[in-house]
Amino acid sequence: MMPNKPAAKKERYCFFCVNKDVVIDYKHTDLLRRFLSSYGKIVPRKRSGVCASHQRQVASEIKRSRIIGLLPFVLK
């Protein structure tokens, strides 16, 4: 029997660092929905693949968009 080999990690790059022209803004709800789970929760960095500084910006813009009413707080 062969021992289990660890899976090779796929190199991830921050979406916003690669695409410098994309601006994180509370009005761009289509972009922000990429970083929400199916239940409407903010997706963690590990799953979204975004760097720490951009994750903080995304989270604050999602919260801003929720307060204004562009994004829902909870999806049922």
N, C-alpha and C. Protein backbone atom coordinates (compact mmCIF):
# COMPACT_ATOMS: atom_id res chain seq x y z
N MET A 1 0.84 -1.18 0.00
CA MET A 1 0.00 0.00 0.00
C MET A 1 0.89 1.25 0.00
N MET A 2 0.52 2.24 -0.82
CA MET A 2 1.33 3.45 -0.94
C MET A 2 0.89 4.48 0.10
N PRO A 3 1.85 5.18 0.69
CA PRO A 3 1.47 6.23 1.64
C PRO A 3 0.79 7.39 0.91
N ASN A 4 -0.09 8.06 1.63
CA ASN A 4 -0.79 9.21 1.05
C ASN A 4 0.17 10.36 0.82
N LYS A 5 0.14 10.90 -0.39
CA LYS A 5 0.96 12.06 -0.70
C LYS A 5 0.15 13.32 -0.45
N PRO A 6 0.78 14.34 0.11
CA PRO A 6 0.03 15.60 0.28
C PRO A 6 -0.28 16.21 -1.09
N ALA A 7 -1.47 16.77 -1.21
CA ALA A 7 -1.89 17.39 -2.46
C ALA A 7 -1.05 18.64 -2.73
N ALA A 8 -0.69 18.82 -3.97
CA ALA A 8 0.09 20.00 -4.35
C ALA A 8 -0.79 21.24 -4.22
N LYS A 9 -0.28 22.26 -3.56
CA LYS A 9 -1.05 23.48 -3.37
C LYS A 9 -1.06 24.30 -4.64
N LYS A 10 -2.23 24.78 -5.01
CA LYS A 10 -2.36 25.64 -6.18
C LYS A 10 -1.98 27.06 -5.77
N GLU A 11 -1.13 27.67 -6.56
CA GLU A 11 -0.69 29.04 -6.26
C GLU A 11 -1.85 29.99 -6.47
N ARG A 12 -2.18 30.76 -5.45
CA ARG A 12 -3.28 31.72 -5.54
C ARG A 12 -2.73 33.13 -5.54
N TYR A 13 -3.38 33.96 -6.32
CA TYR A 13 -3.00 35.36 -6.39
C TYR A 13 -4.21 36.21 -6.06
N CYS A 14 -3.96 37.32 -5.41
CA CYS A 14 -5.04 38.24 -5.05
C CYS A 14 -5.65 38.81 -6.33
N PHE A 15 -6.98 38.73 -6.43
CA PHE A 15 -7.70 39.22 -7.60
C PHE A 15 -7.43 40.70 -7.83
N PHE A 16 -7.37 41.47 -6.76
CA PHE A 16 -7.21 42.92 -6.88
C PHE A 16 -5.75 43.32 -7.13
N CYS A 17 -4.80 42.54 -6.64
CA CYS A 17 -3.39 42.82 -6.93
C CYS A 17 -3.07 42.52 -8.38
N VAL A 18 -3.68 41.47 -8.94
CA VAL A 18 -3.46 41.11 -10.34
C VAL A 18 -4.14 42.11 -11.26
N ASN A 19 -5.39 42.46 -10.95
CA ASN A 19 -6.17 43.41 -11.76
C ASN A 19 -6.16 44.77 -11.07
N LYS A 20 -5.14 45.55 -11.35
CA LYS A 20 -4.97 46.85 -10.67
C LYS A 20 -6.05 47.86 -11.04
N ASP A 21 -6.70 47.67 -12.20
CA ASP A 21 -7.71 48.64 -12.64
C ASP A 21 -9.06 48.45 -11.96
N VAL A 22 -9.27 47.33 -11.27
CA VAL A 22 -10.54 47.07 -10.59
C VAL A 22 -10.55 47.83 -9.26
N VAL A 23 -11.59 48.62 -9.05
CA VAL A 23 -11.71 49.43 -7.84
C VAL A 23 -12.75 48.78 -6.91
N ILE A 24 -12.42 48.69 -5.64
CA ILE A 24 -13.36 48.15 -4.65
C ILE A 24 -14.26 49.29 -4.22
N ASP A 25 -15.55 49.20 -4.55
CA ASP A 25 -16.49 50.27 -4.24
C ASP A 25 -17.82 49.66 -3.82
N TYR A 26 -18.51 50.28 -2.89
CA TYR A 26 -19.77 49.74 -2.38
C TYR A 26 -20.86 49.71 -3.45
N LYS A 27 -20.72 50.49 -4.51
CA LYS A 27 -21.74 50.53 -5.57
C LYS A 27 -21.62 49.37 -6.56
N HIS A 28 -20.47 48.69 -6.59
CA HIS A 28 -20.26 47.57 -7.51
C HIS A 28 -20.72 46.28 -6.84
N THR A 29 -22.03 46.07 -6.80
CA THR A 29 -22.58 44.93 -6.07
C THR A 29 -22.26 43.60 -6.74
N ASP A 30 -22.13 43.58 -8.06
CA ASP A 30 -21.80 42.33 -8.76
C ASP A 30 -20.41 41.83 -8.33
N LEU A 31 -19.48 42.74 -8.19
CA LEU A 31 -18.14 42.38 -7.75
C LEU A 31 -18.16 41.93 -6.29
N LEU A 32 -18.90 42.63 -5.45
CA LEU A 32 -18.93 42.30 -4.03
C LEU A 32 -19.64 40.98 -3.77
N ARG A 33 -20.60 40.61 -4.61
CA ARG A 33 -21.31 39.33 -4.43
C ARG A 33 -20.39 38.13 -4.61
N ARG A 34 -19.28 38.32 -5.31
CA ARG A 34 -18.28 37.26 -5.45
C ARG A 34 -17.70 36.87 -4.11
N PHE A 35 -17.69 37.80 -3.17
CA PHE A 35 -17.06 37.57 -1.88
C PHE A 35 -18.08 37.33 -0.78
N LEU A 36 -19.31 36.94 -1.17
CA LEU A 36 -20.35 36.55 -0.23
C LEU A 36 -20.66 35.08 -0.44
N SER A 37 -20.95 34.37 0.66
CA SER A 37 -21.34 32.97 0.55
C SER A 37 -22.80 32.89 0.10
N SER A 38 -23.30 31.69 -0.08
CA SER A 38 -24.69 31.52 -0.51
C SER A 38 -25.67 31.97 0.58
N TYR A 39 -25.19 32.07 1.82
CA TYR A 39 -26.03 32.54 2.92
C TYR A 39 -25.89 34.04 3.16
N GLY A 40 -25.02 34.70 2.40
CA GLY A 40 -24.84 36.14 2.54
C GLY A 40 -23.73 36.53 3.50
N LYS A 41 -22.93 35.56 3.95
CA LYS A 41 -21.82 35.87 4.85
C LYS A 41 -20.58 36.23 4.04
N ILE A 42 -19.72 37.05 4.62
CA ILE A 42 -18.48 37.44 3.96
C ILE A 42 -17.53 36.25 3.96
N VAL A 43 -17.02 35.91 2.79
CA VAL A 43 -16.15 34.75 2.63
C VAL A 43 -14.77 35.06 3.20
N PRO A 44 -14.17 34.11 3.95
CA PRO A 44 -12.84 34.35 4.52
C PRO A 44 -11.74 34.39 3.46
N ARG A 45 -10.60 34.95 3.83
CA ARG A 45 -9.46 35.10 2.93
C ARG A 45 -9.00 33.78 2.34
N LYS A 46 -9.00 32.76 3.16
CA LYS A 46 -8.50 31.46 2.73
C LYS A 46 -9.29 30.93 1.53
N ARG A 47 -10.59 31.20 1.53
CA ARG A 47 -11.44 30.71 0.44
C ARG A 47 -11.49 31.66 -0.74
N SER A 48 -11.43 32.95 -0.48
CA SER A 48 -11.54 33.92 -1.57
C SER A 48 -10.21 34.14 -2.28
N GLY A 49 -9.09 33.94 -1.58
CA GLY A 49 -7.78 34.11 -2.19
C GLY A 49 -7.34 35.55 -2.31
N VAL A 50 -7.91 36.42 -1.51
CA VAL A 50 -7.58 37.85 -1.55
C VAL A 50 -6.56 38.14 -0.46
N CYS A 51 -5.65 39.09 -0.71
CA CYS A 51 -4.65 39.45 0.30
C CYS A 51 -5.32 40.18 1.47
N ALA A 52 -4.59 40.33 2.56
CA ALA A 52 -5.16 40.87 3.80
C ALA A 52 -5.69 42.29 3.64
N SER A 53 -4.92 43.15 2.99
CA SER A 53 -5.35 44.55 2.87
C SER A 53 -6.60 44.66 2.01
N HIS A 54 -6.66 43.89 0.93
CA HIS A 54 -7.84 43.94 0.08
C HIS A 54 -9.04 43.26 0.74
N GLN A 55 -8.81 42.24 1.57
CA GLN A 55 -9.91 41.59 2.29
C GLN A 55 -10.57 42.58 3.25
N ARG A 56 -9.76 43.39 3.91
CA ARG A 56 -10.32 44.40 4.82
C ARG A 56 -11.14 45.42 4.04
N GLN A 57 -10.65 45.84 2.87
CA GLN A 57 -11.40 46.79 2.04
C GLN A 57 -12.70 46.19 1.55
N VAL A 58 -12.65 44.94 1.09
CA VAL A 58 -13.85 44.26 0.60
C VAL A 58 -14.88 44.15 1.71
N ALA A 59 -14.44 43.74 2.91
CA ALA A 59 -15.36 43.58 4.03
C ALA A 59 -16.02 44.90 4.40
N SER A 60 -15.26 45.98 4.44
CA SER A 60 -15.85 47.28 4.81
C SER A 60 -16.80 47.78 3.73
N GLU A 61 -16.49 47.53 2.46
CA GLU A 61 -17.38 47.97 1.38
C GLU A 61 -18.66 47.12 1.35
N ILE A 62 -18.56 45.84 1.68
CA ILE A 62 -19.77 45.00 1.77
C ILE A 62 -20.66 45.52 2.90
N LYS A 63 -20.06 45.84 4.03
CA LYS A 63 -20.83 46.36 5.16
C LYS A 63 -21.49 47.69 4.81
N ARG A 64 -20.76 48.54 4.12
CA ARG A 64 -21.29 49.83 3.68
C ARG A 64 -22.47 49.63 2.74
N SER A 65 -22.31 48.70 1.81
CA SER A 65 -23.36 48.42 0.83
C SER A 65 -24.60 47.83 1.51
N ARG A 66 -24.40 47.04 2.55
CA ARG A 66 -25.54 46.47 3.29
C ARG A 66 -26.32 47.56 4.01
N ILE A 67 -25.61 48.49 4.61
CA ILE A 67 -26.28 49.56 5.37
C ILE A 67 -27.13 50.43 4.44
N ILE A 68 -26.60 50.72 3.24
CA ILE A 68 -27.34 51.53 2.28
C ILE A 68 -28.53 50.76 1.71
N GLY A 69 -28.40 49.43 1.66
CA GLY A 69 -29.51 48.61 1.16
C GLY A 69 -29.26 48.00 -0.22
N LEU A 70 -28.02 48.08 -0.70
CA LEU A 70 -27.71 47.50 -2.01
C LEU A 70 -27.49 45.99 -1.92
N LEU A 71 -26.98 45.52 -0.79
CA LEU A 71 -26.78 44.09 -0.57
C LEU A 71 -27.59 43.67 0.65
N PRO A 72 -28.11 42.44 0.66
CA PRO A 72 -28.89 41.99 1.82
C PRO A 72 -27.97 41.57 2.97
N PHE A 73 -28.49 41.64 4.19
CA PHE A 73 -27.74 41.17 5.35
C PHE A 73 -27.75 39.65 5.40
N VAL A 74 -28.91 39.04 5.10
CA VAL A 74 -29.06 37.60 5.17
C VAL A 74 -29.84 37.13 3.96
N LEU A 75 -29.43 35.99 3.39
CA LEU A 75 -30.20 35.36 2.31
C LEU A 75 -30.86 34.12 2.89
N LYS A 76 -32.12 33.93 2.63
CA LYS A 76 -32.84 32.78 3.18
C LYS A 76 -32.83 31.63 2.22
